[in-house]
Amino acid sequence: MNNYFLGVDVGSSKTRALIADEFGHTLGLGESGPGNHEVVGYPGLTEALHAAAGQALASAALRRDQIIGAGFGISGYDWPSETKPILQAISALSLQAPIQVVNDAIIGLLAGSAQGWGIALVSGTGCNCWGWDRERQREGRVTGDGIRMGEAAGASDLVYKAVQAVAYEWTRRGPPTRLSEAFLEKTGYDSLMQLLDALVTGQISLGASAAPLVFQVAAAGDPVASELIKWAGCELGELAKCVIRQLEFEKLAFDVVLVGSMFDGGSILIEPLRKTILDYAPEARLVQLMVPPVTGAVLLGMEAAGYKPAKGFRKELIKGVKNFQAPPLFS
């Protein structure tokens, strides 16, 4: 009789569930809407968990009582005060198996580093950074509260800075930038005054989905856009340095797993990030996550049940979910 494990990746835009057996065979997949309680509340988290896990169980033709271990990576799970309501939301699934619950950055680390320790640096809509030491006895992290706490940069932060650059051009505080033309074209306004009027008065907003425009303008040679992306890379490097310092990794060889679609922007973002990290921790290895983070949640579920992955498990698991990926921010 096979053993079955459930992994769930709860995100700000989507929630994904994956069921695999002890050999790494993918048996069931499920997907639902956002589950981050900061976005949809705890009732929304409960609903997203039910929908995604229910789909996965149905496609695997399994009952809940057949799951022997479950791992959950929860976006927005940053503080002890959130533990009780998150566990209450998970308990609504009526699982009879041991579970483990972590911030979603950790399942990215487990999915991307075969060693199972190191640092996960997240840059998608927002940003975050968490790490585990080799023995998993110590944890390093940032607040996860974004630019309000001086932590950048996700796609939303990059667009925030890009809008500032457009405003600087209009007020003559800064130089002209092709970002102005790009945002006018995207929004359909005829002038910067009209665009800024609409932004300031709340008629429109420019969020993370506009981040690819910043990369496109930079690729066309705009120095303002290029500097903004360099800023983002350096800021992300500073987040990693915080966690490196907390975990005393400065002289160690370890993985920094890059999680999130901002990294699909390529070397213009990654190289300043790399320099910032390697100047501080020369043995760090940057690894861009190329598989769905939910694979890390399955590994977490196995650990919760006291199982160690068999040889070839990771390879088989990744093979089974290779088409189960979010659409890229950059195409």
Protein backbone atom coordinates (compact mmCIF):
# COMPACT_ATOMS: atom_id res chain seq x y z
CA MET A 1 0.00 0.00 0.00
CA ASN A 2 1.42 3.36 -1.05
CA ASN A 3 1.79 6.36 1.22
CA TYR A 4 0.37 9.68 0.07
CA PHE A 5 1.48 13.21 0.87
CA LEU A 6 -0.22 16.56 0.33
CA GLY A 7 1.55 19.84 -0.33
CA VAL A 8 -0.19 23.21 -0.55
CA ASP A 9 1.27 26.52 -1.71
CA VAL A 10 -0.97 29.39 -0.61
CA GLY A 11 -0.22 32.57 -2.54
CA SER A 12 -1.51 36.10 -2.95
CA SER A 13 -2.81 35.36 -6.44
CA LYS A 14 -3.26 31.56 -6.49
CA THR A 15 -3.38 28.53 -4.22
CA ARG A 16 -1.99 25.22 -5.46
CA ALA A 17 -2.22 21.72 -4.05
CA LEU A 18 -0.23 18.65 -5.05
CA ILE A 19 -0.53 15.03 -3.96
CA ALA A 20 2.33 12.60 -4.53
CA ASP A 21 3.18 9.13 -3.34
CA GLU A 22 6.39 8.02 -1.61
CA PHE A 23 8.07 7.44 -4.98
CA GLY A 24 7.48 10.97 -6.20
CA HIS A 25 4.66 10.11 -8.59
CA THR A 26 2.27 13.02 -9.07
CA LEU A 27 -1.25 11.78 -8.41
CA GLY A 28 -3.38 14.86 -8.00
CA LEU A 29 -3.27 18.57 -8.70
CA GLY A 30 -5.57 21.36 -7.60
CA GLU A 31 -5.71 25.11 -8.01
CA SER A 32 -7.87 27.86 -6.57
CA GLY A 33 -7.77 31.60 -6.04
CA PRO A 34 -5.74 33.70 -3.60
CA GLY A 35 -5.41 32.43 -0.03
CA ASN A 36 -3.12 35.00 1.61
CA HIS A 37 -5.13 36.09 4.66
CA GLU A 38 -3.76 39.61 4.30
CA VAL A 39 -5.54 39.75 0.94
CA VAL A 40 -8.70 37.65 1.42
CA GLY A 41 -8.97 37.23 5.20
CA TYR A 42 -9.00 33.95 7.09
CA PRO A 43 -12.37 32.88 5.63
CA GLY A 44 -10.83 33.37 2.18
CA LEU A 45 -7.84 31.25 3.21
CA THR A 46 -10.17 28.48 4.36
CA GLU A 47 -12.09 28.63 1.09
CA ALA A 48 -8.93 28.55 -1.04
CA LEU A 49 -7.55 25.57 0.91
CA HIS A 50 -10.81 23.64 0.54
CA ALA A 51 -11.01 24.28 -3.19
CA ALA A 52 -7.39 23.45 -4.06
CA ALA A 53 -7.04 20.43 -1.77
CA GLY A 54 -10.47 19.16 -2.81
CA GLN A 55 -9.50 19.28 -6.48
CA ALA A 56 -6.22 17.51 -5.79
CA LEU A 57 -7.92 14.74 -3.81
CA ALA A 58 -10.60 14.30 -6.47
CA SER A 59 -8.06 14.08 -9.30
CA ALA A 60 -6.01 11.57 -7.29
CA ALA A 61 -9.16 9.60 -6.39
CA LEU A 62 -8.12 9.64 -2.74
CA ARG A 63 -9.89 10.28 0.54
CA ARG A 64 -8.62 12.75 3.12
CA ASP A 65 -7.85 9.93 5.57
CA GLN A 66 -5.41 8.42 3.05
CA ILE A 67 -3.06 11.40 3.33
CA ILE A 68 -0.36 10.58 5.91
CA GLY A 69 1.51 13.90 5.92
CA ALA A 70 0.83 17.44 4.71
CA GLY A 71 2.95 20.54 4.25
CA PHE A 72 1.65 24.09 3.87
CA GLY A 73 3.54 27.14 2.63
CA ILE A 74 1.40 30.16 3.51
CA SER A 75 1.97 33.57 1.96
CA GLY A 76 1.58 36.26 4.61
CA TYR A 77 2.38 33.89 7.49
CA ASP A 78 5.05 35.98 9.19
CA TRP A 79 4.17 36.29 12.89
CA PRO A 80 3.29 34.04 15.85
CA SER A 81 -0.04 35.81 16.31
CA GLU A 82 -1.13 34.39 12.94
CA THR A 83 -0.48 30.76 13.88
CA LYS A 84 -3.78 29.99 15.61
CA PRO A 85 -6.16 31.31 12.92
CA ILE A 86 -4.07 29.70 10.16
CA LEU A 87 -4.16 26.32 11.93
CA GLN A 88 -7.92 26.75 12.37
CA ALA A 89 -8.28 27.32 8.62
CA ILE A 90 -6.23 24.20 7.88
CA SER A 91 -8.18 22.13 10.43
CA ALA A 92 -11.29 22.73 8.34
CA LEU A 93 -9.78 20.33 5.79
CA SER A 94 -10.38 17.50 8.30
CA LEU A 95 -7.03 15.87 7.62
CA GLN A 96 -6.03 13.09 9.99
CA ALA A 97 -2.31 13.43 9.27
CA PRO A 98 0.55 15.35 10.89
CA ILE A 99 1.12 18.72 9.25
CA GLN A 100 3.84 21.34 9.07
CA VAL A 101 3.13 25.00 8.30
CA VAL A 102 5.72 27.56 7.18
CA ASN A 103 5.97 30.85 5.34
CA ASP A 104 5.76 30.18 1.61
CA ALA A 105 9.38 31.29 1.12
CA ILE A 106 10.50 28.14 2.94
CA ILE A 107 8.80 25.77 0.51
CA GLY A 108 10.61 27.65 -2.28
CA LEU A 109 13.85 26.87 -0.47
CA LEU A 110 12.96 23.18 -0.17
CA ALA A 111 11.94 23.03 -3.82
CA GLY A 112 15.08 24.75 -5.09
CA SER A 113 17.87 23.47 -2.86
CA ALA A 114 18.59 19.75 -2.79
CA GLN A 115 20.39 20.36 0.51
CA GLY A 116 17.16 21.52 2.14
CA TRP A 117 18.76 24.52 3.84
CA GLY A 118 20.06 27.94 2.90
CA ILE A 119 18.14 31.07 1.95
CA ALA A 120 15.04 31.71 -0.13
CA LEU A 121 14.80 35.19 -1.64
CA VAL A 122 11.34 35.96 -2.99
CA SER A 123 10.50 38.63 -5.53
CA GLY A 124 7.11 38.33 -7.16
CA THR A 125 4.31 40.80 -6.57
CA GLY A 126 6.00 41.52 -3.24
CA CYS A 127 9.24 40.37 -1.66
CA ASN A 128 10.42 38.32 1.29
CA CYS A 129 13.47 36.45 2.54
CA TRP A 130 13.73 33.50 4.91
CA GLY A 131 16.45 30.98 5.69
CA TRP A 132 17.24 27.81 7.64
CA ASP A 133 20.62 26.69 8.92
CA ARG A 134 21.98 23.25 8.06
CA GLU A 135 20.44 21.60 11.12
CA ARG A 136 17.21 23.63 10.83
CA GLN A 137 17.65 24.71 14.41
CA ARG A 138 17.90 28.39 13.56
CA GLU A 139 15.71 30.51 11.33
CA GLY A 140 16.52 33.84 9.70
CA ARG A 141 13.99 36.20 8.17
CA VAL A 142 12.93 39.73 7.42
CA THR A 143 9.61 41.27 8.47
CA GLY A 144 7.86 40.47 5.19
CA ASP A 145 5.99 43.76 5.34
CA GLY A 146 7.59 45.21 2.23
CA ILE A 147 8.56 48.76 1.51
CA ARG A 148 6.77 50.06 4.63
CA MET A 149 9.51 48.34 6.62
CA GLY A 150 12.19 49.33 4.11
CA GLU A 151 12.18 45.91 2.41
CA ALA A 152 12.25 45.82 -1.38
CA ALA A 153 11.83 44.96 -4.10
CA GLY A 154 8.95 43.07 -5.59
CA ALA A 155 7.22 44.03 -8.81
CA SER A 156 4.87 46.39 -6.95
CA ASP A 157 7.83 48.23 -5.43
CA LEU A 158 9.54 48.55 -8.81
CA VAL A 159 6.42 50.07 -10.36
CA TYR A 160 6.02 52.36 -7.33
CA LYS A 161 9.51 53.73 -7.97
CA ALA A 162 8.88 53.95 -11.71
CA VAL A 163 5.78 56.07 -11.14
CA GLN A 164 7.89 58.34 -8.93
CA ALA A 165 10.37 58.70 -11.80
CA VAL A 166 7.55 59.76 -14.12
CA ALA A 167 6.37 62.30 -11.55
CA TYR A 168 9.95 63.58 -11.24
CA GLU A 169 10.07 64.16 -14.97
CA TRP A 170 6.81 66.13 -14.90
CA THR A 171 7.89 68.31 -11.96
CA ARG A 172 11.41 68.72 -13.43
CA ARG A 173 12.88 67.14 -10.30
CA GLY A 174 14.40 64.38 -12.40
CA PRO A 175 15.42 63.63 -15.99
CA PRO A 176 13.14 62.61 -18.84
CA THR A 177 12.46 58.89 -19.06
CA ARG A 178 10.83 56.64 -21.61
CA LEU A 179 8.81 55.22 -18.74
CA SER A 180 6.48 58.19 -19.20
CA GLU A 181 5.69 57.23 -22.77
CA ALA A 182 5.30 53.56 -21.81
CA PHE A 183 2.83 54.31 -19.01
CA LEU A 184 0.88 56.73 -21.21
CA GLU A 185 0.57 54.05 -23.86
CA LYS A 186 -0.50 51.45 -21.28
CA THR A 187 -3.17 53.66 -19.71
CA GLY A 188 -4.36 55.49 -22.83
CA TYR A 189 -3.84 59.02 -21.50
CA ASP A 190 -2.54 61.79 -23.76
CA SER A 191 -0.36 63.68 -21.29
CA LEU A 192 1.56 63.19 -18.07
CA MET A 193 -0.72 65.67 -16.35
CA GLN A 194 -3.74 63.52 -17.20
CA LEU A 195 -1.93 60.36 -16.08
CA LEU A 196 -0.77 61.84 -12.79
CA ASP A 197 -4.21 63.34 -12.17
CA ALA A 198 -5.75 59.88 -12.56
CA LEU A 199 -3.13 58.23 -10.33
CA VAL A 200 -3.25 60.83 -7.55
CA THR A 201 -7.06 60.98 -7.43
CA GLY A 202 -7.41 57.19 -7.47
CA GLN A 203 -9.09 56.89 -10.85
CA ILE A 204 -6.49 54.28 -11.86
CA SER A 205 -3.60 52.43 -10.28
CA LEU A 206 -0.43 50.94 -11.65
CA GLY A 207 0.62 47.77 -9.87
CA ALA A 208 2.83 44.74 -10.27
CA SER A 209 1.47 43.88 -13.72
CA ALA A 210 3.23 46.97 -15.09
CA ALA A 211 6.68 45.74 -14.00
CA PRO A 212 7.52 44.13 -17.38
CA LEU A 213 7.24 47.61 -18.94
CA VAL A 214 10.07 48.82 -16.73
CA PHE A 215 12.28 45.98 -17.96
CA GLN A 216 11.29 46.62 -21.57
CA VAL A 217 12.12 50.32 -21.30
CA ALA A 218 15.44 49.47 -19.66
CA ALA A 219 16.25 46.99 -22.43
CA ALA A 220 15.62 49.80 -24.96
CA GLY A 221 18.39 51.82 -23.32
CA ASP A 222 16.56 54.11 -20.89
CA PRO A 223 19.02 54.96 -18.08
CA VAL A 224 16.31 55.81 -15.54
CA ALA A 225 14.60 52.42 -15.93
CA SER A 226 17.98 50.66 -15.85
CA GLU A 227 18.90 52.36 -12.58
CA LEU A 228 15.57 51.40 -11.05
CA ILE A 229 16.15 47.73 -11.84
CA LYS A 230 19.68 47.96 -10.48
CA TRP A 231 18.19 49.50 -7.33
CA ALA A 232 15.76 46.56 -7.06
CA GLY A 233 18.59 44.04 -7.41
CA CYS A 234 20.69 45.75 -4.75
CA GLU A 235 17.73 46.01 -2.38
CA LEU A 236 16.97 42.31 -2.77
CA GLY A 237 20.63 41.60 -2.09
CA GLU A 238 20.36 43.58 1.13
CA LEU A 239 17.44 41.41 2.25
CA ALA A 240 19.56 38.32 1.67
CA LYS A 241 22.43 39.88 3.60
CA CYS A 242 20.16 40.41 6.60
CA VAL A 243 19.37 36.72 6.75
CA ILE A 244 22.96 35.70 6.02
CA ARG A 245 24.02 37.83 8.98
CA GLN A 246 21.37 36.37 11.27
CA LEU A 247 22.37 32.79 10.40
CA GLU A 248 26.12 33.52 10.31
CA PHE A 249 26.49 32.16 6.77
CA GLU A 250 29.15 34.70 5.72
CA LYS A 251 31.90 32.08 5.29
CA LEU A 252 29.75 29.11 4.29
CA ALA A 253 28.85 27.63 0.91
CA PHE A 254 25.06 27.66 0.67
CA ASP A 255 22.21 28.12 -1.81
CA VAL A 256 20.29 31.34 -2.27
CA VAL A 257 17.14 30.19 -4.06
CA LEU A 258 15.57 32.93 -6.16
CA VAL A 259 11.81 32.53 -6.04
CA GLY A 260 9.33 34.54 -8.07
CA SER A 261 8.67 35.91 -11.52
CA MET A 262 10.66 39.13 -11.10
CA PHE A 263 13.81 37.04 -11.56
CA ASP A 264 12.61 36.15 -15.05
CA GLY A 265 13.72 39.69 -15.92
CA GLY A 266 17.22 38.25 -16.19
CA SER A 267 20.73 39.50 -15.64
CA ILE A 268 19.84 43.20 -15.44
CA LEU A 269 18.22 42.39 -12.05
CA ILE A 270 20.23 39.35 -11.01
CA GLU A 271 23.74 40.69 -11.55
CA PRO A 272 23.51 43.61 -9.09
CA LEU A 273 21.82 41.19 -6.70
CA ARG A 274 24.65 38.69 -7.16
CA LYS A 275 27.33 41.30 -6.54
CA THR A 276 25.62 42.56 -3.40
CA ILE A 277 25.45 39.05 -1.96
CA LEU A 278 28.86 37.76 -3.06
CA ASP A 279 30.67 40.83 -1.78
CA TYR A 280 29.38 39.79 1.64
CA ALA A 281 29.24 35.97 1.36
CA PRO A 282 31.61 34.88 -1.44
CA GLU A 283 30.64 31.17 -1.31
CA ALA A 284 26.92 31.75 -1.82
CA ARG A 285 25.37 30.02 -4.85
CA LEU A 286 22.44 31.73 -6.57
CA VAL A 287 19.88 29.20 -7.83
CA GLN A 288 16.80 30.37 -9.71
CA LEU A 289 13.79 28.24 -8.88
CA MET A 290 12.52 26.64 -12.06
CA VAL A 291 9.89 24.30 -10.59
CA PRO A 292 6.61 25.07 -8.80
CA PRO A 293 7.20 25.84 -5.10
CA VAL A 294 4.39 23.43 -4.21
CA THR A 295 6.91 20.62 -4.71
CA GLY A 296 8.64 21.92 -1.60
CA ALA A 297 5.34 21.71 0.28
CA VAL A 298 5.11 17.99 -0.57
CA LEU A 299 8.63 17.48 0.80
CA LEU A 300 7.54 19.34 3.94
CA GLY A 301 4.55 16.99 4.22
CA MET A 302 6.85 13.99 4.01
CA GLU A 303 8.97 15.42 6.82
CA ALA A 304 5.87 16.00 8.94
CA ALA A 305 5.11 12.28 8.58
CA GLY A 306 8.68 11.30 9.45
CA TYR A 307 9.63 10.11 5.96
CA LYS A 308 12.82 10.83 4.09
CA PRO A 309 12.58 11.08 0.28
CA ALA A 310 13.89 7.99 -1.49
CA LYS A 311 16.62 8.27 -4.10
CA GLY A 312 15.19 9.83 -7.25
CA PHE A 313 12.12 11.17 -5.45
CA ARG A 314 12.84 14.83 -6.21
CA LYS A 315 13.57 14.12 -9.86
CA GLU A 316 10.35 12.15 -10.30
CA LEU A 317 8.28 14.75 -8.45
CA ILE A 318 9.64 17.62 -10.53
CA LYS A 319 9.07 15.64 -13.72
CA GLY A 320 5.44 15.07 -12.76
CA VAL A 321 4.65 18.74 -12.15
CA LYS A 322 6.77 20.36 -14.86
CA ASN A 323 3.65 21.71 -16.58
CA PHE A 324 2.04 22.84 -13.34
CA GLN A 325 3.52 26.34 -13.28
CA ALA A 326 2.20 29.87 -13.00
CA PRO A 327 2.20 31.96 -16.18
CA PRO A 328 5.40 34.02 -16.17
CA LEU A 329 5.37 37.72 -15.40
CA PHE A 330 7.89 38.13 -18.23
CA SER A 331 7.20 36.48 -21.59
